[in-house]
Amino acid sequence: MRGVSHAFRINGAPLPVLDGIDLAIEPGAFVALLGPSGCGKSTLLRLAAGLEPADAGRLDLDGVPITGPDPSRLLVFQDPTLYPWRSVSRNVSLGLEARGMLRNNRHRVAEAIARVGLSAFADAYPHQLSGGMAQRTALARALVNDPRLLLLDEPLGKLDALTRLTLQGELVRLWQETGLTAILVTHDVEEALVLAERVIVLSDRPARIRADIANDAPYPRHRDDPELIRRRREILEILGHES
């Protein structure tokens, strides 16, 4: 991302959201974006996904400009957005089906479902799933396309605390197994530190990068680790909160 700026149009007037974002992410990295609510974190993911163009600056993937959506860059939202009339298996297969690739790649659907631990529920429907299982299905739907860049927009934000802890560990496992690059938007400082190798702290809108914090603690990480607690305090101070 080079000089990326963007604004919304409200009643014809621009509302700046991003202001000159410069950010380079190495292949295979896990990066978390933190910042105040409404500062533009999700907008940055949408631009990286190619769902809309930036007003200024450019976004490249391996030197190639991002000009539109592509299966190599997939966005997972806070809501699983599953089709209620399709089973887990048929929800997961949507991407391959839309690209005309399902006939010769049905094995990838089963593999993606197994990877998120839902093989026993492949024929279940969304109303039969818990919130955590629905979000696992959404992850499998992304993974079946073998993306190089996985964009995660608070995917665990609406889950109960215990399910959230479980899926945090699952996200790390999936990232390590697949070798993909992951960018996570979260409001949870602790979640960012448990999951990511690097934490980018954004300012209030229009967002600028306030801090770029390396987080090289080994996995699995423990919330009572003194270094994690120190970094959490550091980030909260940057965000203007008492620790």
Protein backbone atom coordinates (compact mmCIF):
# COMPACT_ATOMS: atom_id res chain seq x y z
CA MET A 1 0.00 0.00 0.00
CA ARG A 2 1.59 3.26 -1.14
CA GLY A 3 0.07 6.60 -0.25
CA VAL A 4 -3.41 5.10 0.01
CA SER A 5 -6.10 7.67 0.77
CA HIS A 6 -9.85 7.26 0.55
CA ALA A 7 -13.05 9.11 1.39
CA PHE A 8 -16.73 8.33 1.61
CA ARG A 9 -19.29 10.56 -0.09
CA ILE A 10 -22.01 11.75 2.30
CA ASN A 11 -24.66 13.87 0.57
CA GLY A 12 -22.11 14.65 -2.10
CA ALA A 13 -19.46 15.86 0.34
CA PRO A 14 -16.24 13.88 0.93
CA LEU A 15 -15.63 12.34 4.36
CA PRO A 16 -11.92 11.39 4.52
CA VAL A 17 -11.36 7.89 5.94
CA LEU A 18 -7.76 6.96 5.06
CA ASP A 19 -4.89 9.41 4.75
CA GLY A 20 -1.64 8.39 3.08
CA ILE A 21 -1.31 4.79 4.27
CA ASP A 22 2.11 3.29 3.46
CA LEU A 23 2.34 -0.37 4.43
CA ALA A 24 4.38 -3.29 3.08
CA ILE A 25 3.53 -6.81 4.26
CA GLU A 26 5.80 -9.77 3.69
CA PRO A 27 4.40 -12.99 2.15
CA GLY A 28 3.21 -15.42 4.81
CA ALA A 29 2.93 -12.77 7.53
CA PHE A 30 0.07 -12.42 10.02
CA VAL A 31 -0.69 -8.73 10.58
CA ALA A 32 -3.35 -7.17 12.82
CA LEU A 33 -4.90 -3.73 12.30
CA LEU A 34 -6.01 -1.92 15.45
CA GLY A 35 -7.59 1.48 15.83
CA PRO A 36 -10.63 3.42 17.04
CA SER A 37 -14.05 2.38 15.83
CA GLY A 38 -14.84 3.89 12.43
CA CYS A 39 -11.26 4.89 11.67
CA GLY A 40 -11.12 3.02 8.33
CA LYS A 41 -9.74 -0.43 9.18
CA SER A 42 -12.49 -2.29 7.34
CA THR A 43 -12.25 0.13 4.42
CA LEU A 44 -8.56 -0.73 4.10
CA LEU A 45 -9.49 -4.43 3.84
CA ARG A 46 -12.10 -3.70 1.17
CA LEU A 47 -9.50 -1.83 -0.88
CA ALA A 48 -7.03 -4.71 -0.48
CA ALA A 49 -9.75 -7.14 -1.59
CA GLY A 50 -10.34 -5.02 -4.69
CA LEU A 51 -13.99 -4.42 -3.83
CA GLU A 52 -13.54 -0.72 -4.54
CA PRO A 53 -10.66 1.46 -5.81
CA ALA A 54 -8.70 3.83 -3.59
CA ASP A 55 -9.16 7.55 -4.26
CA ALA A 56 -5.38 8.03 -4.21
CA GLY A 57 -2.27 5.87 -3.99
CA ARG A 58 -1.95 2.27 -5.10
CA LEU A 59 -2.21 -1.24 -3.73
CA ASP A 60 -0.09 -4.00 -5.25
CA LEU A 61 0.15 -7.72 -4.70
CA ASP A 62 3.66 -8.88 -5.65
CA GLY A 63 4.09 -5.78 -7.78
CA VAL A 64 0.81 -6.25 -9.67
CA PRO A 65 -1.80 -3.50 -9.11
CA ILE A 66 -5.01 -4.57 -7.36
CA THR A 67 -7.78 -3.44 -9.71
CA GLY A 68 -10.70 -5.67 -8.70
CA PRO A 69 -11.75 -8.79 -6.78
CA ASP A 70 -9.77 -11.99 -7.27
CA PRO A 71 -9.93 -15.46 -5.66
CA SER A 72 -6.33 -15.01 -4.52
CA ARG A 73 -7.56 -12.29 -2.11
CA LEU A 74 -10.56 -13.24 0.00
CA LEU A 75 -12.41 -11.29 2.67
CA VAL A 76 -14.08 -13.01 5.65
CA PHE A 77 -16.64 -10.82 7.42
CA GLN A 78 -17.88 -10.66 11.00
CA ASP A 79 -21.16 -12.25 9.87
CA PRO A 80 -20.71 -15.65 8.16
CA THR A 81 -23.31 -14.70 5.49
CA LEU A 82 -24.16 -18.32 4.67
CA TYR A 83 -26.99 -19.21 2.30
CA PRO A 84 -29.62 -20.82 4.56
CA TRP A 85 -30.92 -23.14 1.81
CA ARG A 86 -27.48 -24.61 1.12
CA SER A 87 -25.69 -27.18 3.26
CA VAL A 88 -22.25 -26.58 4.74
CA SER A 89 -20.71 -28.43 1.82
CA ARG A 90 -22.66 -26.46 -0.78
CA ASN A 91 -21.87 -23.14 0.95
CA VAL A 92 -18.18 -23.99 0.95
CA SER A 93 -18.28 -24.96 -2.74
CA LEU A 94 -19.72 -21.62 -3.88
CA GLY A 95 -16.44 -20.11 -5.06
CA LEU A 96 -15.41 -23.14 -7.07
CA GLU A 97 -18.92 -23.43 -8.50
CA ALA A 98 -18.99 -19.78 -9.59
CA ARG A 99 -15.65 -20.22 -11.37
CA GLY A 100 -16.74 -23.42 -13.12
CA MET A 101 -14.14 -25.46 -11.23
CA LEU A 102 -16.30 -27.60 -8.97
CA ARG A 103 -16.59 -30.73 -11.13
CA ASN A 104 -12.85 -31.44 -11.01
CA ASN A 105 -12.22 -30.07 -7.51
CA ARG A 106 -14.88 -31.55 -5.27
CA HIS A 107 -12.14 -33.07 -3.13
CA ARG A 108 -11.05 -29.55 -2.19
CA VAL A 109 -14.44 -28.91 -0.61
CA ALA A 110 -14.12 -31.93 1.67
CA GLU A 111 -10.53 -31.00 2.48
CA ALA A 112 -11.47 -27.42 3.43
CA ILE A 113 -14.33 -28.64 5.63
CA ALA A 114 -12.03 -31.13 7.33
CA ARG A 115 -9.43 -28.42 7.88
CA VAL A 116 -11.88 -26.41 9.99
CA GLY A 117 -13.12 -29.50 11.85
CA LEU A 118 -16.62 -29.76 10.36
CA SER A 119 -16.52 -33.05 8.44
CA ALA A 120 -19.36 -34.46 10.54
CA PHE A 121 -21.50 -31.43 9.62
CA ALA A 122 -20.87 -31.31 5.86
CA ASP A 123 -24.55 -32.00 5.16
CA ALA A 124 -25.91 -29.75 7.93
CA TYR A 125 -27.68 -26.47 7.20
CA PRO A 126 -26.82 -23.07 8.71
CA HIS A 127 -29.74 -23.13 11.15
CA GLN A 128 -28.28 -26.32 12.62
CA LEU A 129 -24.90 -24.72 13.35
CA SER A 130 -23.62 -22.79 16.35
CA GLY A 131 -22.12 -19.34 15.80
CA GLY A 132 -18.62 -20.77 15.92
CA MET A 133 -19.46 -23.52 13.45
CA ALA A 134 -21.01 -21.00 11.05
CA GLN A 135 -17.83 -18.92 11.18
CA ARG A 136 -15.75 -22.06 10.58
CA THR A 137 -17.88 -22.67 7.49
CA ALA A 138 -17.15 -19.14 6.26
CA LEU A 139 -13.43 -19.78 6.76
CA ALA A 140 -13.66 -23.06 4.83
CA ARG A 141 -15.49 -21.23 2.03
CA ALA A 142 -12.49 -18.90 1.77
CA LEU A 143 -9.82 -21.59 2.16
CA VAL A 144 -11.26 -23.82 -0.57
CA ASN A 145 -10.15 -21.20 -3.10
CA ASP A 146 -6.53 -21.52 -1.91
CA PRO A 147 -6.10 -17.77 -1.39
CA ARG A 148 -2.69 -16.14 -1.04
CA LEU A 149 -4.13 -13.28 1.04
CA LEU A 150 -6.82 -13.82 3.68
CA LEU A 151 -8.50 -10.63 4.89
CA LEU A 152 -10.31 -11.05 8.21
CA ASP A 153 -12.76 -8.32 9.22
CA GLU A 154 -13.42 -9.03 12.92
CA PRO A 155 -14.44 -12.63 12.14
CA LEU A 156 -14.69 -13.53 15.83
CA GLY A 157 -16.34 -10.33 17.04
CA LYS A 158 -19.83 -11.73 17.64
CA LEU A 159 -18.83 -15.05 19.21
CA ASP A 160 -19.04 -15.92 22.90
CA ALA A 161 -15.80 -15.72 24.87
CA LEU A 162 -15.01 -19.45 24.98
CA THR A 163 -15.75 -20.02 21.28
CA ARG A 164 -13.67 -16.98 20.45
CA LEU A 165 -10.67 -18.37 22.37
CA THR A 166 -10.99 -21.70 20.55
CA LEU A 167 -11.20 -20.09 17.11
CA GLN A 168 -8.26 -17.81 17.82
CA GLY A 169 -6.15 -20.94 18.18
CA GLU A 170 -7.73 -22.39 15.04
CA LEU A 171 -6.88 -19.28 13.03
CA VAL A 172 -3.23 -19.53 14.02
CA ARG A 173 -3.19 -23.23 13.11
CA LEU A 174 -4.79 -22.62 9.71
CA TRP A 175 -2.38 -19.77 8.97
CA GLN A 176 0.62 -21.91 9.89
CA GLU A 177 -0.63 -24.90 7.87
CA THR A 178 -1.47 -23.00 4.71
CA GLY A 179 1.35 -20.45 4.61
CA LEU A 180 -1.02 -17.73 3.42
CA THR A 181 -0.73 -14.06 4.32
CA ALA A 182 -3.35 -12.87 6.82
CA ILE A 183 -4.52 -9.36 7.70
CA LEU A 184 -6.89 -9.18 10.68
CA VAL A 185 -9.03 -6.22 11.72
CA THR A 186 -9.90 -6.34 15.40
CA HIS A 187 -10.83 -4.01 18.27
CA ASP A 188 -9.36 -6.46 20.78
CA VAL A 189 -5.74 -5.60 21.66
CA GLU A 190 -5.19 -8.95 23.35
CA GLU A 191 -6.54 -10.83 20.31
CA ALA A 192 -4.17 -8.92 18.04
CA LEU A 193 -1.20 -9.84 20.23
CA VAL A 194 -2.19 -13.50 20.58
CA LEU A 195 -2.61 -13.95 16.82
CA ALA A 196 -0.39 -11.55 14.89
CA GLU A 197 3.33 -11.25 14.27
CA ARG A 198 2.92 -7.54 13.67
CA VAL A 199 0.38 -5.02 14.99
CA ILE A 200 -0.40 -1.84 13.04
CA VAL A 201 -2.05 0.85 15.18
CA LEU A 202 -4.13 3.39 13.26
CA SER A 203 -5.19 6.86 14.34
CA ASP A 204 -8.74 8.16 14.42
CA ARG A 205 -10.37 9.01 11.07
CA PRO A 206 -8.87 9.81 8.65
CA ALA A 207 -6.58 6.94 9.57
CA ARG A 208 -2.82 7.28 9.56
CA ILE A 209 -0.36 4.71 10.89
CA ARG A 210 0.55 5.66 14.46
CA ALA A 211 2.66 2.61 15.32
CA ASP A 212 4.04 -0.55 13.72
CA ILE A 213 4.82 -3.04 16.48
CA ALA A 214 6.73 -6.28 15.93
CA ASN A 215 5.42 -9.20 17.97
CA ASP A 216 7.88 -12.08 17.74
CA ALA A 217 6.69 -14.11 20.74
CA PRO A 218 6.61 -17.85 19.98
CA TYR A 219 3.35 -19.70 19.40
CA PRO A 220 1.24 -20.80 21.16
CA ARG A 221 0.98 -17.55 23.10
CA HIS A 222 -0.32 -17.17 26.62
CA ARG A 223 -2.31 -14.18 27.80
CA ASP A 224 -0.44 -13.99 31.10
CA ASP A 225 2.96 -13.76 29.38
CA PRO A 226 4.72 -10.66 30.83
CA GLU A 227 5.91 -9.53 27.39
CA LEU A 228 2.39 -9.77 25.95
CA ILE A 229 1.09 -7.76 28.92
CA ARG A 230 3.80 -5.13 28.37
CA ARG A 231 2.92 -4.80 24.67
CA ARG A 232 -0.78 -4.61 25.51
CA ARG A 233 -0.06 -1.70 27.87
CA GLU A 234 2.06 -0.02 25.19
CA ILE A 235 -0.69 -0.27 22.57
CA LEU A 236 -3.41 0.96 24.94
CA GLU A 237 -1.27 3.99 25.74
CA ILE A 238 -0.87 4.71 22.00
CA LEU A 239 -4.65 4.48 21.65
CA GLY A 240 -5.09 6.89 24.56
CA HIS A 241 -6.44 4.43 27.09
CA GLU A 242 -5.27 3.64 30.58
CA SER A 243 -3.91 0.08 30.88
